[in-house]
PDB file of all heavy atoms in Angstrom:
ATOM      1  N   VAL A   1       0.877  -1.169  -0.005  1.00  0.00           N
ATOM      2  CA  VAL A   1       0.026  -0.001  -0.008  1.00  0.00           C
ATOM      3  C   VAL A   1       0.875   1.257  -0.003  1.00  0.00           C
ATOM      4  O   VAL A   1       1.675   1.400   0.913  1.00  0.00           O
ATOM      5  CB  VAL A   1      -0.927   0.042   1.238  1.00  0.00           C
ATOM      6  CG1 VAL A   1      -1.790   1.293   1.277  1.00  0.00           C
ATOM      7  CG2 VAL A   1      -1.821  -1.202   1.246  1.00  0.00           C
ATOM      8  N   ALA A   2       0.740   2.050  -1.039  1.00  0.00           N
ATOM      9  CA  ALA A   2       1.507   3.271  -1.137  1.00  0.00           C
ATOM     10  C   ALA A   2       1.000   4.277  -0.123  1.00  0.00           C
ATOM     11  O   ALA A   2      -0.193   4.488   0.020  1.00  0.00           O
ATOM     12  CB  ALA A   2       1.390   3.844  -2.559  1.00  0.00           C
ATOM     13  N   GLU A   3       1.953   4.905   0.596  1.00  0.00           N
ATOM     14  CA  GLU A   3       1.583   5.972   1.510  1.00  0.00           C
ATOM     15  C   GLU A   3       2.787   6.783   1.913  1.00  0.00           C
ATOM     16  O   GLU A   3       3.934   6.367   1.815  1.00  0.00           O
ATOM     17  CB  GLU A   3       0.909   5.382   2.766  1.00  0.00           C
ATOM     18  CG  GLU A   3       1.783   4.643   3.736  1.00  0.00           C
ATOM     19  CD  GLU A   3       1.070   4.197   4.962  1.00  0.00           C
ATOM     20  OE1 GLU A   3       0.310   4.989   5.552  1.00  0.00           O
ATOM     21  OE2 GLU A   3       1.259   3.045   5.408  1.00  0.00           O
ATOM     22  N   GLU A   4       2.513   7.985   2.360  1.00  0.00           N
ATOM     23  CA  GLU A   4       3.510   8.916   2.828  1.00  0.00           C
ATOM     24  C   GLU A   4       2.954   9.617   4.041  1.00  0.00           C
ATOM     25  O   GLU A   4       1.810  10.126   3.994  1.00  0.00           O
ATOM     26  CB  GLU A   4       3.917   9.897   1.732  1.00  0.00           C
ATOM     27  CG  GLU A   4       4.901  10.958   2.176  1.00  0.00           C
ATOM     28  CD  GLU A   4       5.107  12.055   1.170  1.00  0.00           C
ATOM     29  OE1 GLU A   4       4.639  11.897   0.043  1.00  0.00           O
ATOM     30  OE2 GLU A   4       5.779  13.059   1.503  1.00  0.00           O
ATOM     31  N   CYS A   5       3.740   9.689   5.147  1.00  0.00           N
ATOM     32  CA  CYS A   5       3.247  10.406   6.327  1.00  0.00           C
ATOM     33  C   CYS A   5       4.551  10.903   7.046  1.00  0.00           C
ATOM     34  O   CYS A   5       5.602  10.421   6.783  1.00  0.00           O
ATOM     35  CB  CYS A   5       2.339   9.588   7.178  1.00  0.00           C
ATOM     36  SG  CYS A   5       3.123   8.155   7.937  1.00  0.00           S
ATOM     37  N   THR A   6       4.325  11.732   7.996  1.00  0.00           N
ATOM     38  CA  THR A   6       5.381  12.229   8.870  1.00  0.00           C
ATOM     39  C   THR A   6       4.948  11.965  10.286  1.00  0.00           C
ATOM     40  O   THR A   6       3.816  12.235  10.691  1.00  0.00           O
ATOM     41  CB  THR A   6       5.665  13.723   8.676  1.00  0.00           C
ATOM     42  OG1 THR A   6       6.020  13.945   7.308  1.00  0.00           O
ATOM     43  CG2 THR A   6       6.788  14.180   9.551  1.00  0.00           C
ATOM     44  N   ASP A   7       5.859  11.287  11.095  1.00  0.00           N
ATOM     45  CA  ASP A   7       5.609  10.992  12.451  1.00  0.00           C
ATOM     46  C   ASP A   7       6.753  11.473  13.292  1.00  0.00           C
ATOM     47  O   ASP A   7       7.885  11.045  13.103  1.00  0.00           O
ATOM     48  CB  ASP A   7       5.389   9.465  12.619  1.00  0.00           C
ATOM     49  CG  ASP A   7       5.046   9.037  14.025  1.00  0.00           C
ATOM     50  OD1 ASP A   7       4.825   9.948  14.889  1.00  0.00           O
ATOM     51  OD2 ASP A   7       5.014   7.843  14.249  1.00  0.00           O
ATOM     52  N   ASN A   8       6.435  12.438  14.182  1.00  0.00           N
ATOM     53  CA  ASN A   8       7.456  12.990  15.080  1.00  0.00           C
ATOM     54  C   ASN A   8       8.679  13.486  14.303  1.00  0.00           C
ATOM     55  O   ASN A   8       9.832  13.298  14.663  1.00  0.00           O
ATOM     56  CB  ASN A   8       7.892  11.913  16.102  1.00  0.00           C
ATOM     57  CG  ASN A   8       8.535  12.577  17.329  1.00  0.00           C
ATOM     58  OD1 ASN A   8       8.122  13.625  17.761  1.00  0.00           O
ATOM     59  ND2 ASN A   8       9.511  11.899  17.899  1.00  0.00           N
ATOM     60  N   GLY A   9       8.377  14.084  13.143  1.00  0.00           N
ATOM     61  CA  GLY A   9       9.425  14.681  12.317  1.00  0.00           C
ATOM     62  C   GLY A   9      10.168  13.723  11.387  1.00  0.00           C
ATOM     63  O   GLY A   9      11.083  14.102  10.599  1.00  0.00           O
ATOM     64  N   ILE A  10       9.763  12.441  11.417  1.00  0.00           N
ATOM     65  CA  ILE A  10      10.382  11.435  10.550  1.00  0.00           C
ATOM     66  C   ILE A  10       9.431  11.135   9.353  1.00  0.00           C
ATOM     67  O   ILE A  10       8.304  10.780   9.561  1.00  0.00           O
ATOM     68  CB  ILE A  10      10.679  10.100  11.311  1.00  0.00           C
ATOM     69  CG1 ILE A  10      11.565  10.339  12.535  1.00  0.00           C
ATOM     70  CG2 ILE A  10      11.286   9.029  10.352  1.00  0.00           C
ATOM     71  CD1 ILE A  10      12.956  10.790  12.283  1.00  0.00           C
ATOM     72  N   LEU A  11       9.952  11.303   8.152  1.00  0.00           N
ATOM     73  CA  LEU A  11       9.182  10.984   6.953  1.00  0.00           C
ATOM     74  C   LEU A  11       9.168   9.514   6.789  1.00  0.00           C
ATOM     75  O   LEU A  11      10.199   8.841   6.747  1.00  0.00           O
ATOM     76  CB  LEU A  11       9.850  11.645   5.724  1.00  0.00           C
ATOM     77  CG  LEU A  11       9.243  11.265   4.394  1.00  0.00           C
ATOM     78  CD1 LEU A  11       7.812  11.850   4.230  1.00  0.00           C
ATOM     79  CD2 LEU A  11      10.133  11.728   3.240  1.00  0.00           C
ATOM     80  N   LEU A  12       7.963   8.928   6.644  1.00  0.00           N
ATOM     81  CA  LEU A  12       7.788   7.506   6.409  1.00  0.00           C
ATOM     82  C   LEU A  12       7.156   7.346   4.997  1.00  0.00           C
ATOM     83  O   LEU A  12       6.068   7.851   4.778  1.00  0.00           O
ATOM     84  CB  LEU A  12       6.876   6.891   7.488  1.00  0.00           C
ATOM     85  CG  LEU A  12       7.380   7.106   8.920  1.00  0.00           C
ATOM     86  CD1 LEU A  12       6.353   6.684   9.921  1.00  0.00           C
ATOM     87  CD2 LEU A  12       8.698   6.448   9.163  1.00  0.00           C
ATOM     88  N   PHE A  13       7.858   6.648   4.158  1.00  0.00           N
ATOM     89  CA  PHE A  13       7.472   6.593   2.742  1.00  0.00           C
ATOM     90  C   PHE A  13       7.422   5.166   2.234  1.00  0.00           C
ATOM     91  O   PHE A  13       8.424   4.416   2.287  1.00  0.00           O
ATOM     92  CB  PHE A  13       8.453   7.420   1.876  1.00  0.00           C
ATOM     93  CG  PHE A  13       8.138   7.470   0.395  1.00  0.00           C
ATOM     94  CD1 PHE A  13       6.947   8.133   0.017  1.00  0.00           C
ATOM     95  CD2 PHE A  13       8.909   6.912  -0.532  1.00  0.00           C
ATOM     96  CE1 PHE A  13       6.622   8.186  -1.350  1.00  0.00           C
ATOM     97  CE2 PHE A  13       8.649   7.020  -1.899  1.00  0.00           C
ATOM     98  CZ  PHE A  13       7.448   7.640  -2.313  1.00  0.00           C
ATOM     99  N   ASN A  14       6.259   4.746   1.683  1.00  0.00           N
ATOM    100  CA  ASN A  14       6.108   3.438   1.118  1.00  0.00           C
ATOM    101  C   ASN A  14       5.657   3.669  -0.362  1.00  0.00           C
ATOM    102  O   ASN A  14       4.613   4.258  -0.614  1.00  0.00           O
ATOM    103  CB  ASN A  14       5.040   2.636   1.887  1.00  0.00           C
ATOM    104  CG  ASN A  14       4.823   1.225   1.377  1.00  0.00           C
ATOM    105  OD1 ASN A  14       5.069   0.932   0.210  1.00  0.00           O
ATOM    106  ND2 ASN A  14       4.438   0.351   2.268  1.00  0.00           N
ATOM    107  N   PRO A  15       6.462   3.147  -1.303  1.00  0.00           N
ATOM    108  CA  PRO A  15       6.136   3.391  -2.688  1.00  0.00           C
ATOM    109  C   PRO A  15       5.000   2.516  -3.224  1.00  0.00           C
ATOM    110  O   PRO A  15       4.592   2.657  -4.394  1.00  0.00           O
ATOM    111  CB  PRO A  15       7.453   3.064  -3.449  1.00  0.00           C
ATOM    112  CG  PRO A  15       8.096   2.016  -2.614  1.00  0.00           C
ATOM    113  CD  PRO A  15       7.708   2.412  -1.164  1.00  0.00           C
ATOM    114  N   GLY A  16       4.515   1.572  -2.426  1.00  0.00           N
ATOM    115  CA  GLY A  16       3.526   0.631  -2.885  1.00  0.00           C
ATOM    116  C   GLY A  16       4.206  -0.564  -3.523  1.00  0.00           C
ATOM    117  O   GLY A  16       5.317  -0.945  -3.162  1.00  0.00           O
ATOM    118  N   SER A  17       3.544  -1.200  -4.448  1.00  0.00           N
ATOM    119  CA  SER A  17       3.985  -2.410  -5.033  1.00  0.00           C
ATOM    120  C   SER A  17       3.929  -2.426  -6.580  1.00  0.00           C
ATOM    121  O   SER A  17       3.033  -1.798  -7.130  1.00  0.00           O
ATOM    122  CB  SER A  17       3.147  -3.616  -4.538  1.00  0.00           C
ATOM    123  OG  SER A  17       3.411  -4.787  -5.194  1.00  0.00           O
ATOM    124  N   LEU A  18       4.873  -3.081  -7.187  1.00  0.00           N
ATOM    125  CA  LEU A  18       4.791  -3.283  -8.645  1.00  0.00           C
ATOM    126  C   LEU A  18       4.388  -4.701  -8.935  1.00  0.00           C
ATOM    127  O   LEU A  18       4.557  -5.188 -10.026  1.00  0.00           O
ATOM    128  CB  LEU A  18       6.155  -2.980  -9.336  1.00  0.00           C
ATOM    129  CG  LEU A  18       6.427  -1.486  -9.517  1.00  0.00           C
ATOM    130  CD1 LEU A  18       7.864  -1.316 -10.120  1.00  0.00           C
ATOM    131  CD2 LEU A  18       5.432  -0.822 -10.377  1.00  0.00           C
ATOM    132  N   SER A  19       3.838  -5.385  -7.980  1.00  0.00           N
ATOM    133  CA  SER A  19       3.400  -6.790  -8.144  1.00  0.00           C
ATOM    134  C   SER A  19       2.154  -6.755  -9.088  1.00  0.00           C
ATOM    135  O   SER A  19       1.325  -5.855  -9.009  1.00  0.00           O
ATOM    136  CB  SER A  19       3.008  -7.418  -6.843  1.00  0.00           C
ATOM    137  OG  SER A  19       2.290  -8.567  -7.007  1.00  0.00           O
ATOM    138  N   ALA A  20       2.071  -7.763  -9.881  1.00  0.00           N
ATOM    139  CA  ALA A  20       0.906  -7.889 -10.794  1.00  0.00           C
ATOM    140  C   ALA A  20      -0.366  -8.146  -9.997  1.00  0.00           C
ATOM    141  O   ALA A  20      -1.469  -7.988 -10.562  1.00  0.00           O
ATOM    142  CB  ALA A  20       1.134  -9.068 -11.806  1.00  0.00           C
ATOM    143  N   TYR A  21      -0.287  -8.490  -8.743  1.00  0.00           N
ATOM    144  CA  TYR A  21      -1.416  -8.812  -7.965  1.00  0.00           C
ATOM    145  C   TYR A  21      -1.866  -7.677  -7.015  1.00  0.00           C
ATOM    146  O   TYR A  21      -2.757  -7.870  -6.202  1.00  0.00           O
ATOM    147  CB  TYR A  21      -1.153 -10.045  -7.088  1.00  0.00           C
ATOM    148  CG  TYR A  21      -0.713 -11.221  -7.944  1.00  0.00           C
ATOM    149  CD1 TYR A  21       0.655 -11.596  -7.962  1.00  0.00           C
ATOM    150  CD2 TYR A  21      -1.544 -11.810  -8.843  1.00  0.00           C
ATOM    151  CE1 TYR A  21       1.110 -12.608  -8.756  1.00  0.00           C
ATOM    152  CE2 TYR A  21      -1.086 -12.895  -9.615  1.00  0.00           C
ATOM    153  CZ  TYR A  21       0.225 -13.242  -9.593  1.00  0.00           C
ATOM    154  OH  TYR A  21       0.668 -14.253 -10.427  1.00  0.00           O
ATOM    155  N   SER A  22      -1.314  -6.497  -7.137  1.00  0.00           N
ATOM    156  CA  SER A  22      -1.702  -5.369  -6.331  1.00  0.00           C
ATOM    157  C   SER A  22      -2.908  -4.717  -6.893  1.00  0.00           C
ATOM    158  O   SER A  22      -3.183  -4.742  -8.073  1.00  0.00           O
ATOM    159  CB  SER A  22      -0.543  -4.367  -6.297  1.00  0.00           C
ATOM    160  OG  SER A  22       0.582  -4.918  -5.669  1.00  0.00           O
ATOM    161  N   ALA A  23      -3.655  -4.043  -6.009  1.00  0.00           N
ATOM    162  CA  ALA A  23      -4.860  -3.275  -6.425  1.00  0.00           C
ATOM    163  C   ALA A  23      -4.489  -2.268  -7.496  1.00  0.00           C
ATOM    164  O   ALA A  23      -5.187  -2.121  -8.501  1.00  0.00           O
ATOM    165  CB  ALA A  23      -5.477  -2.568  -5.243  1.00  0.00           C
ATOM    166  N   PHE A  24      -3.357  -1.575  -7.348  1.00  0.00           N
ATOM    167  CA  PHE A  24      -2.753  -0.798  -8.388  1.00  0.00           C
ATOM    168  C   PHE A  24      -1.244  -0.824  -8.196  1.00  0.00           C
ATOM    169  O   PHE A  24      -0.764  -0.895  -7.087  1.00  0.00           O
ATOM    170  CB  PHE A  24      -3.349   0.656  -8.427  1.00  0.00           C
ATOM    171  CG  PHE A  24      -2.979   1.503  -7.298  1.00  0.00           C
ATOM    172  CD1 PHE A  24      -1.798   2.218  -7.237  1.00  0.00           C
ATOM    173  CD2 PHE A  24      -3.845   1.610  -6.174  1.00  0.00           C
ATOM    174  CE1 PHE A  24      -1.494   3.023  -6.156  1.00  0.00           C
ATOM    175  CE2 PHE A  24      -3.561   2.370  -5.109  1.00  0.00           C
ATOM    176  CZ  PHE A  24      -2.364   3.135  -5.107  1.00  0.00           C
TER     177      PHE A  24
END
């Protein structure tokens, strides 16, 4: 699951997936 957020000043970044089985 792609997401970006900041927690206590730390950037947390997930690019999601390039799997053929992902929602997108």
